[in-house]
C-alpha atoms as a PDB file:
ATOM      1  CA  UNK A   1       8.176-104.484  56.504  1.00  0.00           C
ATOM      2  CA  UNK A   2       7.722-108.108  57.512  1.00  0.00           C
ATOM      3  CA  UNK A   3      10.743-110.146  56.366  1.00  0.00           C
ATOM      4  CA  UNK A   4       8.360-112.803  55.089  1.00  0.00           C
ATOM      5  CA  UNK A   5       6.383-110.330  52.973  1.00  0.00           C
ATOM      6  CA  UNK A   6       5.951-111.566  49.414  1.00  0.00           C
ATOM      7  CA  UNK A   7       5.409-108.757  46.851  1.00  0.00           C
ATOM      8  CA  UNK A   8       4.152-111.357  44.350  1.00  0.00           C
ATOM      9  CA  UNK A   9       1.294-112.514  46.574  1.00  0.00           C
ATOM     10  CA  UNK A  10      -2.063-112.630  44.768  1.00  0.00           C
ATOM     11  CA  UNK A  11      -4.082-114.888  47.018  1.00  0.00           C
ATOM     12  CA  UNK A  12      -7.679-113.578  47.198  1.00  0.00           C
ATOM     13  CA  UNK A  13      -6.941-110.609  44.918  1.00  0.00           C
ATOM     14  CA  UNK A  14      -9.884-109.755  42.643  1.00  0.00           C
ATOM     15  CA  UNK A  15      -8.795-109.703  39.012  1.00  0.00           C
ATOM     16  CA  UNK A  16     -10.790-108.865  35.872  1.00  0.00           C
ATOM     17  CA  UNK A  17      -9.246-110.085  32.618  1.00  0.00           C
ATOM     18  CA  UNK A  18     -10.785-109.125  29.273  1.00  0.00           C
ATOM     19  CA  UNK A  19     -10.055-111.156  26.164  1.00  0.00           C
ATOM     20  CA  UNK A  20      -9.694-114.103  28.535  1.00  0.00           C
ATOM     21  CA  UNK A  21     -10.238-116.669  25.799  1.00  0.00           C
ATOM     22  CA  UNK A  22      -7.441-115.419  23.545  1.00  0.00           C
ATOM     23  CA  UNK A  23      -3.901-116.736  23.525  1.00  0.00           C
ATOM     24  CA  UNK A  24      -2.379-114.035  25.718  1.00  0.00           C
ATOM     25  CA  UNK A  25      -5.513-113.610  27.835  1.00  0.00           C
ATOM     26  CA  UNK A  26      -5.676-117.337  28.503  1.00  0.00           C
ATOM     27  CA  UNK A  27      -2.052-117.461  29.677  1.00  0.00           C
ATOM     28  CA  UNK A  28      -2.701-114.516  31.998  1.00  0.00           C
ATOM     29  CA  UNK A  29      -5.768-116.233  33.475  1.00  0.00           C
ATOM     30  CA  UNK A  30      -3.877-119.454  34.146  1.00  0.00           C
ATOM     31  CA  UNK A  31      -1.004-117.577  35.786  1.00  0.00           C
ATOM     32  CA  UNK A  32      -3.306-115.672  38.156  1.00  0.00           C
ATOM     33  CA  UNK A  33      -5.328-118.794  38.942  1.00  0.00           C
ATOM     34  CA  UNK A  34      -2.183-120.671  39.945  1.00  0.00           C
ATOM     35  CA  UNK A  35      -1.323-117.779  42.266  1.00  0.00           C
ATOM     36  CA  UNK A  36      -4.683-118.013  44.048  1.00  0.00           C
ATOM     37  CA  UNK A  37      -6.476-114.954  42.671  1.00  0.00           C
ATOM     38  CA  UNK A  38     -10.254-114.610  42.293  1.00  0.00           C
ATOM     39  CA  UNK A  39     -10.888-114.191  38.574  1.00  0.00           C
ATOM     40  CA  UNK A  40     -13.585-112.553  36.512  1.00  0.00           C
ATOM     41  CA  UNK A  41     -12.935-113.789  32.985  1.00  0.00           C
ATOM     42  CA  UNK A  42     -14.459-111.740  30.187  1.00  0.00           C
ATOM     43  CA  UNK A  43     -14.735-112.572  26.494  1.00  0.00           C
ATOM     44  CA  UNK A  44     -17.044-111.893  23.560  1.00  0.00           C
ATOM     45  CA  UNK A  45     -17.002-115.551  22.483  1.00  0.00           C
ATOM     46  CA  UNK A  46     -19.126-117.964  24.483  1.00  0.00           C
ATOM     47  CA  UNK A  47     -17.142-120.877  23.024  1.00  0.00           C
ATOM     48  CA  UNK A  48     -13.726-119.535  24.052  1.00  0.00           C
ATOM     49  CA  UNK A  49     -15.073-118.410  27.418  1.00  0.00           C
ATOM     50  CA  UNK A  50     -16.258-121.939  28.193  1.00  0.00           C
ATOM     51  CA  UNK A  51     -12.888-123.397  27.178  1.00  0.00           C
ATOM     52  CA  UNK A  52     -10.893-121.165  29.519  1.00  0.00           C
ATOM     53  CA  UNK A  53     -13.435-121.576  32.339  1.00  0.00           C
ATOM     54  CA  UNK A  54     -13.156-125.357  32.092  1.00  0.00           C
ATOM     55  CA  UNK A  55      -9.362-125.132  32.195  1.00  0.00           C
ATOM     56  CA  UNK A  56      -9.410-122.831  35.221  1.00  0.00           C
ATOM     57  CA  UNK A  57     -11.836-125.156  36.990  1.00  0.00           C
ATOM     58  CA  UNK A  58      -9.168-127.862  36.917  1.00  0.00           C
ATOM     59  CA  UNK A  59      -6.755-125.520  38.697  1.00  0.00           C
ATOM     60  CA  UNK A  60      -9.278-124.630  41.382  1.00  0.00           C
ATOM     61  CA  UNK A  61     -10.126-121.308  43.013  1.00  0.00           C
ATOM     62  CA  UNK A  62     -12.849-118.874  42.065  1.00  0.00           C
ATOM     63  CA  UNK A  63     -13.455-117.858  38.469  1.00  0.00           C
ATOM     64  CA  UNK A  64     -16.559-116.128  37.163  1.00  0.00           C
ATOM     65  CA  UNK A  65     -17.097-116.173  33.369  1.00  0.00           C
ATOM     66  CA  UNK A  66     -18.991-113.246  31.834  1.00  0.00           C
ATOM     67  CA  UNK A  67     -19.841-112.769  28.170  1.00  0.00           C
ATOM     68  CA  UNK A  68     -19.263-109.131  27.210  1.00  0.00           C
ATOM     69  CA  UNK A  69     -18.633-106.823  24.277  1.00  0.00           C
ATOM     70  CA  UNK A  70     -15.935-104.563  25.730  1.00  0.00           C
ATOM     71  CA  UNK A  71     -16.969-101.676  23.489  1.00  0.00           C
ATOM     72  CA  UNK A  72     -20.522-101.706  24.909  1.00  0.00           C
ATOM     73  CA  UNK A  73     -20.599 -99.462  27.974  1.00  0.00           C
ATOM     74  CA  UNK A  74     -23.787-100.967  29.380  1.00  0.00           C
ATOM     75  CA  UNK A  75     -22.336-104.481  29.242  1.00  0.00           C
ATOM     76  CA  UNK A  76     -19.075-103.319  30.816  1.00  0.00           C
ATOM     77  CA  UNK A  77     -20.996-101.601  33.610  1.00  0.00           C
ATOM     78  CA  UNK A  78     -22.826-104.862  34.286  1.00  0.00           C
ATOM     79  CA  UNK A  79     -19.516-106.767  34.508  1.00  0.00           C
ATOM     80  CA  UNK A  80     -18.163-104.303  37.066  1.00  0.00           C
ATOM     81  CA  UNK A  81     -21.372-104.360  39.110  1.00  0.00           C
ATOM     82  CA  UNK A  82     -21.427-108.166  39.118  1.00  0.00           C
ATOM     83  CA  UNK A  83     -17.779-108.314  40.182  1.00  0.00           C
ATOM     84  CA  UNK A  84     -18.248-105.896  43.067  1.00  0.00           C
ATOM     85  CA  UNK A  85     -21.419-107.670  44.163  1.00  0.00           C
ATOM     86  CA  UNK A  86     -19.700-111.081  44.263  1.00  0.00           C
ATOM     87  CA  UNK A  87     -16.217-110.144  45.474  1.00  0.00           C
ATOM     88  CA  UNK A  88     -16.799-106.731  47.117  1.00  0.00           C
ATOM     89  CA  UNK A  89     -14.207-104.903  45.064  1.00  0.00           C
ATOM     90  CA  UNK A  90     -11.699-104.894  42.202  1.00  0.00           C
ATOM     91  CA  UNK A  91      -7.936-105.022  42.731  1.00  0.00           C
ATOM     92  CA  UNK A  92      -6.611-105.624  39.234  1.00  0.00           C
ATOM     93  CA  UNK A  93      -7.782-105.077  35.660  1.00  0.00           C
ATOM     94  CA  UNK A  94      -6.002-106.519  32.633  1.00  0.00           C
ATOM     95  CA  UNK A  95      -7.277-105.166  29.317  1.00  0.00           C
ATOM     96  CA  UNK A  96      -6.244-107.993  26.974  1.00  0.00           C
ATOM     97  CA  UNK A  97      -9.239-107.900  24.603  1.00  0.00           C
ATOM     98  CA  UNK A  98      -8.243-107.014  21.075  1.00  0.00           C
ATOM     99  CA  UNK A  99      -8.733-107.707  17.400  1.00  0.00           C
ATOM    100  CA  UNK A 100      -6.215-107.293  14.607  1.00  0.00           C
ATOM    101  CA  UNK A 101      -6.441-106.202  10.991  1.00  0.00           C
ATOM    102  CA  UNK A 102      -3.502-108.382   9.937  1.00  0.00           C
ATOM    103  CA  UNK A 103      -5.846-110.612   7.955  1.00  0.00           C
ATOM    104  CA  UNK A 104      -7.220-107.690   5.933  1.00  0.00           C
ATOM    105  CA  UNK A 105      -3.854-106.741   4.375  1.00  0.00           C
ATOM    106  CA  UNK A 106      -5.308-104.000   2.215  1.00  0.00           C
ATOM    107  CA  UNK A 107      -4.056-100.468   1.497  1.00  0.00           C
ATOM    108  CA  UNK A 108      -5.316 -97.515   3.544  1.00  0.00           C
ATOM    109  CA  UNK A 109      -7.321 -96.075   0.664  1.00  0.00           C
ATOM    110  CA  UNK A 110      -9.176 -99.379   0.254  1.00  0.00           C
ATOM    111  CA  UNK A 111      -9.847-100.000   3.937  1.00  0.00           C
ATOM    112  CA  UNK A 112     -13.497-100.472   4.875  1.00  0.00           C
ATOM    113  CA  UNK A 113     -14.405 -97.708   7.345  1.00  0.00           C
ATOM    114  CA  UNK A 114     -16.797 -99.876   9.348  1.00  0.00           C
ATOM    115  CA  UNK A 115     -14.141-102.576   9.826  1.00  0.00           C
ATOM    116  CA  UNK A 116     -11.583 -99.877  10.717  1.00  0.00           C
ATOM    117  CA  UNK A 117     -13.953 -98.482  13.341  1.00  0.00           C
ATOM    118  CA  UNK A 118     -14.670-101.941  14.775  1.00  0.00           C
ATOM    119  CA  UNK A 119     -10.967-102.550  15.399  1.00  0.00           C
ATOM    120  CA  UNK A 120     -10.625 -99.187  17.162  1.00  0.00           C
ATOM    121  CA  UNK A 121     -13.757 -99.841  19.210  1.00  0.00           C
ATOM    122  CA  UNK A 122     -12.484-103.139  20.615  1.00  0.00           C
ATOM    123  CA  UNK A 123      -8.828-102.195  21.129  1.00  0.00           C
ATOM    124  CA  UNK A 124      -9.143 -98.568  22.244  1.00  0.00           C
ATOM    125  CA  UNK A 125     -12.712 -97.847  23.266  1.00  0.00           C
ATOM    126  CA  UNK A 126     -12.971-101.131  25.157  1.00  0.00           C
ATOM    127  CA  UNK A 127      -9.784-100.376  27.079  1.00  0.00           C
ATOM    128  CA  UNK A 128     -11.045 -96.884  27.894  1.00  0.00           C
ATOM    129  CA  UNK A 129     -14.476 -97.994  29.115  1.00  0.00           C
ATOM    130  CA  UNK A 130     -13.216-100.882  31.255  1.00  0.00           C
ATOM    131  CA  UNK A 131     -10.451 -98.747  32.766  1.00  0.00           C
ATOM    132  CA  UNK A 132     -12.867 -95.957  33.622  1.00  0.00           C
ATOM    133  CA  UNK A 133     -15.488 -98.205  35.179  1.00  0.00           C
ATOM    134  CA  UNK A 134     -12.976-100.212  37.224  1.00  0.00           C
ATOM    135  CA  UNK A 135     -11.096 -97.105  38.346  1.00  0.00           C
ATOM    136  CA  UNK A 136     -14.286 -95.734  39.907  1.00  0.00           C
ATOM    137  CA  UNK A 137     -14.324 -98.796  42.186  1.00  0.00           C
ATOM    138  CA  UNK A 138     -10.568 -98.734  42.799  1.00  0.00           C
ATOM    139  CA  UNK A 139     -10.704 -95.091  43.856  1.00  0.00           C
ATOM    140  CA  UNK A 140     -13.117 -96.021  46.657  1.00  0.00           C
ATOM    141  CA  UNK A 141     -10.476 -98.329  48.134  1.00  0.00           C
ATOM    142  CA  UNK A 142      -7.409 -96.208  47.223  1.00  0.00           C
ATOM    143  CA  UNK A 143      -5.811 -99.157  45.485  1.00  0.00           C
ATOM    144  CA  UNK A 144      -5.656-100.629  42.010  1.00  0.00           C
ATOM    145  CA  UNK A 145      -3.490-102.028  39.237  1.00  0.00           C
ATOM    146  CA  UNK A 146      -4.373-101.719  35.555  1.00  0.00           C
ATOM    147  CA  UNK A 147      -2.396-103.258  32.700  1.00  0.00           C
ATOM    148  CA  UNK A 148      -3.290-102.552  29.080  1.00  0.00           C
ATOM    149  CA  UNK A 149      -2.081-104.819  26.293  1.00  0.00           C
ATOM    150  CA  UNK A 150      -0.784-102.640  23.469  1.00  0.00           C
ATOM    151  CA  UNK A 151       1.581-103.867  20.723  1.00  0.00           C
ATOM    152  CA  UNK A 152       4.842-103.082  18.971  1.00  0.00           C
ATOM    153  CA  UNK A 153       2.497-102.115  16.123  1.00  0.00           C
ATOM    154  CA  UNK A 154       1.629 -99.112  18.280  1.00  0.00           C
ATOM    155  CA  UNK A 155       5.290 -98.076  18.357  1.00  0.00           C
ATOM    156  CA  UNK A 156       6.548 -98.756  14.836  1.00  0.00           C
ATOM    157  CA  UNK A 157       4.632 -98.828  11.565  1.00  0.00           C
ATOM    158  CA  UNK A 158       3.679-102.027   9.796  1.00  0.00           C
ATOM    159  CA  UNK A 159       2.408-102.059   6.213  1.00  0.00           C
ATOM    160  CA  UNK A 160      -1.374-102.207   5.868  1.00  0.00           C
ATOM    161  CA  UNK A 161      -2.165-102.313   9.583  1.00  0.00           C
ATOM    162  CA  UNK A 162      -4.190 -99.164   9.207  1.00  0.00           C
ATOM    163  CA  UNK A 163      -6.447 -99.639  12.222  1.00  0.00           C
ATOM    164  CA  UNK A 164      -4.615-101.930  14.654  1.00  0.00           C
ATOM    165  CA  UNK A 165      -1.458 -99.811  14.789  1.00  0.00           C
ATOM    166  CA  UNK A 166      -3.215 -96.487  15.462  1.00  0.00           C
ATOM    167  CA  UNK A 167      -5.491 -98.156  18.045  1.00  0.00           C
ATOM    168  CA  UNK A 168      -2.561 -99.700  19.939  1.00  0.00           C
ATOM    169  CA  UNK A 169      -0.630 -96.439  19.774  1.00  0.00           C
ATOM    170  CA  UNK A 170      -3.617 -94.650  21.301  1.00  0.00           C
ATOM    171  CA  UNK A 171      -3.722 -97.283  24.080  1.00  0.00           C
ATOM    172  CA  UNK A 172      -0.183 -96.227  25.026  1.00  0.00           C
ATOM    173  CA  UNK A 173      -1.207 -92.580  25.379  1.00  0.00           C
ATOM    174  CA  UNK A 174      -4.424 -93.534  27.194  1.00  0.00           C
ATOM    175  CA  UNK A 175      -2.242 -95.461  29.646  1.00  0.00           C
ATOM    176  CA  UNK A 176      -0.205 -92.318  30.391  1.00  0.00           C
ATOM    177  CA  UNK A 177      -3.318 -90.178  30.836  1.00  0.00           C
ATOM    178  CA  UNK A 178      -4.945 -92.628  33.222  1.00  0.00           C
ATOM    179  CA  UNK A 179      -1.720 -93.105  35.160  1.00  0.00           C
ATOM    180  CA  UNK A 180      -1.132 -89.427  35.901  1.00  0.00           C
ATOM    181  CA  UNK A 181      -4.779 -88.780  36.775  1.00  0.00           C
ATOM    182  CA  UNK A 182      -5.202 -91.783  39.083  1.00  0.00           C
ATOM    183  CA  UNK A 183      -1.755 -91.854  40.706  1.00  0.00           C
ATOM    184  CA  UNK A 184      -3.066 -89.876  43.695  1.00  0.00           C
ATOM    185  CA  UNK A 185      -5.492 -92.733  44.371  1.00  0.00           C
ATOM    186  CA  UNK A 186      -2.692 -95.323  44.530  1.00  0.00           C
ATOM    187  CA  UNK A 187      -3.692 -96.778  41.163  1.00  0.00           C
ATOM    188  CA  UNK A 188      -0.866 -97.915  38.877  1.00  0.00           C
ATOM    189  CA  UNK A 189      -1.581 -97.985  35.150  1.00  0.00           C
ATOM    190  CA  UNK A 190       0.924 -99.476  32.722  1.00  0.00           C
ATOM    191  CA  UNK A 191       0.951-101.005  29.257  1.00  0.00           C
ATOM    192  CA  UNK A 192       2.709-103.927  27.638  1.00  0.00           C
ATOM    193  CA  UNK A 193       3.671-103.905  23.961  1.00  0.00           C
ATOM    194  CA  UNK A 194       4.203-107.497  22.810  1.00  0.00           C
ATOM    195  CA  UNK A 195       6.027-108.304  19.615  1.00  0.00           C
ATOM    196  CA  UNK A 196       5.388-111.501  17.687  1.00  0.00           C
ATOM    197  CA  UNK A 197       3.803-113.889  20.188  1.00  0.00           C
ATOM    198  CA  UNK A 198       2.897-117.462  19.241  1.00  0.00           C
ATOM    199  CA  UNK A 199      -0.878-117.110  19.563  1.00  0.00           C
ATOM    200  CA  UNK A 200      -3.523-118.875  17.505  1.00  0.00           C
ATOM    201  CA  UNK A 201      -3.954-115.702  15.428  1.00  0.00           C
ATOM    202  CA  UNK A 202      -0.255-115.522  14.540  1.00  0.00           C
ATOM    203  CA  UNK A 203      -0.110-119.250  13.793  1.00  0.00           C
ATOM    204  CA  UNK A 204      -3.106-118.821  11.494  1.00  0.00           C
ATOM    205  CA  UNK A 205      -1.492-115.924   9.617  1.00  0.00           C
ATOM    206  CA  UNK A 206       1.751-117.901   9.247  1.00  0.00           C
ATOM    207  CA  UNK A 207      -0.203-120.964   8.119  1.00  0.00           C
ATOM    208  CA  UNK A 208      -1.934-118.896   5.432  1.00  0.00           C
ATOM    209  CA  UNK A 209       1.432-117.793   4.103  1.00  0.00           C
ATOM    210  CA  UNK A 210       0.881-114.127   4.933  1.00  0.00           C
ATOM    211  CA  UNK A 211       3.957-114.188   7.186  1.00  0.00           C
ATOM    212  CA  UNK A 212       6.957-116.449   6.838  1.00  0.00           C
ATOM    213  CA  UNK A 213       7.997-117.819  10.237  1.00  0.00           C
ATOM    214  CA  UNK A 214      11.667-118.405   9.423  1.00  0.00           C
ATOM    215  CA  UNK A 215      12.014-114.988   7.780  1.00  0.00           C
ATOM    216  CA  UNK A 216      10.275-113.377  10.746  1.00  0.00           C
ATOM    217  CA  UNK A 217      12.478-115.109  13.316  1.00  0.00           C
ATOM    218  CA  UNK A 218      15.615-113.855  11.535  1.00  0.00           C
ATOM    219  CA  UNK A 219      14.497-110.306  12.367  1.00  0.00           C
ATOM    220  CA  UNK A 220      14.255-111.089  16.085  1.00  0.00           C
ATOM    221  CA  UNK A 221      17.620-110.935  17.926  1.00  0.00           C
ATOM    222  CA  UNK A 222      16.607-113.743  20.309  1.00  0.00           C
ATOM    223  CA  UNK A 223      15.784-115.855  17.242  1.00  0.00           C
ATOM    224  CA  UNK A 224      12.442-117.076  18.507  1.00  0.00           C
ATOM    225  CA  UNK A 225       8.816-116.074  18.709  1.00  0.00           C
ATOM    226  CA  UNK A 226       7.501-115.024  22.087  1.00  0.00           C
ATOM    227  CA  UNK A 227       5.183-117.277  24.056  1.00  0.00           C
ATOM    228  CA  UNK A 228       1.944-116.118  25.732  1.00  0.00           C
ATOM    229  CA  UNK A 229       3.454-117.044  29.115  1.00  0.00           C
ATOM    230  CA  UNK A 230       6.222-114.487  28.513  1.00  0.00           C
ATOM    231  CA  UNK A 231       3.588-111.749  28.455  1.00  0.00           C
ATOM    232  CA  UNK A 232       1.720-113.297  31.408  1.00  0.00           C
ATOM    233  CA  UNK A 233       4.868-113.187  33.537  1.00  0.00           C
ATOM    234  CA  UNK A 234       5.256-109.471  32.823  1.00  0.00           C
ATOM    235  CA  UNK A 235       1.609-108.864  33.710  1.00  0.00           C
ATOM    236  CA  UNK A 236       2.219-110.529  37.078  1.00  0.00           C
ATOM    237  CA  UNK A 237       5.159-108.229  37.768  1.00  0.00           C
ATOM    238  CA  UNK A 238       3.260-105.075  36.787  1.00  0.00           C
ATOM    239  CA  UNK A 239       0.254-105.964  38.939  1.00  0.00           C
ATOM    240  CA  UNK A 240       2.347-106.914  41.963  1.00  0.00           C
ATOM    241  CA  UNK A 241       3.710-104.753  44.755  1.00  0.00           C
ATOM    242  CA  UNK A 242       7.180-105.331  43.299  1.00  0.00           C
ATOM    243  CA  UNK A 243       6.334-102.669  40.680  1.00  0.00           C
ATOM    244  CA  UNK A 244       4.528-100.192  42.915  1.00  0.00           C
ATOM    245  CA  UNK A 245       6.708 -97.224  41.800  1.00  0.00           C
ATOM    246  CA  UNK A 246       6.130 -97.908  38.093  1.00  0.00           C
ATOM    247  CA  UNK A 247       3.202 -96.176  36.428  1.00  0.00           C
ATOM    248  CA  UNK A 248       2.417 -94.619  33.063  1.00  0.00           C
ATOM    249  CA  UNK A 249       4.968 -96.816  31.304  1.00  0.00           C
ATOM    250  CA  UNK A 250       4.865 -99.072  28.263  1.00  0.00           C
ATOM    251  CA  UNK A 251       7.162-102.080  28.433  1.00  0.00           C
ATOM    252  CA  UNK A 252       8.090-103.710  25.150  1.00  0.00           C
ATOM    253  CA  UNK A 253       8.429-107.488  25.161  1.00  0.00           C
ATOM    254  CA  UNK A 254       9.627-108.539  21.716  1.00  0.00           C
ATOM    255  CA  UNK A 255      12.947-110.397  21.944  1.00  0.00           C
ATOM    256  CA  UNK A 256      14.761-107.264  20.814  1.00  0.00           C
ATOM    257  CA  UNK A 257      12.758-106.837  17.601  1.00  0.00           C
ATOM    258  CA  UNK A 258      12.141-103.073  17.847  1.00  0.00           C
ATOM    259  CA  UNK A 259      15.638-102.419  19.213  1.00  0.00           C
ATOM    260  CA  UNK A 260      17.446-104.119  16.367  1.00  0.00           C
ATOM    261  CA  UNK A 261      16.762-101.686  13.517  1.00  0.00           C
ATOM    262  CA  UNK A 262      16.094-104.705  11.310  1.00  0.00           C
ATOM    263  CA  UNK A 263      12.352-104.201  11.119  1.00  0.00           C
END
């Protein structure tokens, strides 16, 4: 191998990022843009999509914004077709789109079934559809990297997260299934399970008094909330050649929260 080979080289790689306008998705977009990747940024909010597109435009490089409901297979198919038409392929997919039921805070027996299904559709079905559609293109080139954003809520139980937790847990198993099926095509599929990350959603929940920040931080061995860039850095590693022998794994990034036994 060339001694100057850089396993973290992303220049001209074609990257699709769903949930691009969210806190974690935005950090991932900025990281890839700074590394010279061609980005297809996907979000269901036109407002948030414009915000991240404007920010990426200041960095430079190619970024293509596409409005899409990740749980709608026709819309996902259109995103993949548009990407291949413009960039002639797909190297990397990051499934960061997700919605939480933290704000609902109601018992299982009182949960609205339609709202429960919506959360599963975005978090699980959306990840499944995007992975499937992108893998079909990756298989043609015998190369691909897929990272799914799960959650510690998919590993340990949290009170009254009756949809988000099961959806994120299913994402972990979906990751394993995809990884073992697509390994022969040189496609790596891994998941990341973030803990408490300082996103706008978490700040909103803390601001509403539904979570106490100081009490929460005391349960985290590193005594701090995670930052979106912490997750973005891990995404870069898992989509680089530095991690080419890692597939089917879920990496927890939570400051030691789930390891501490103080949940």
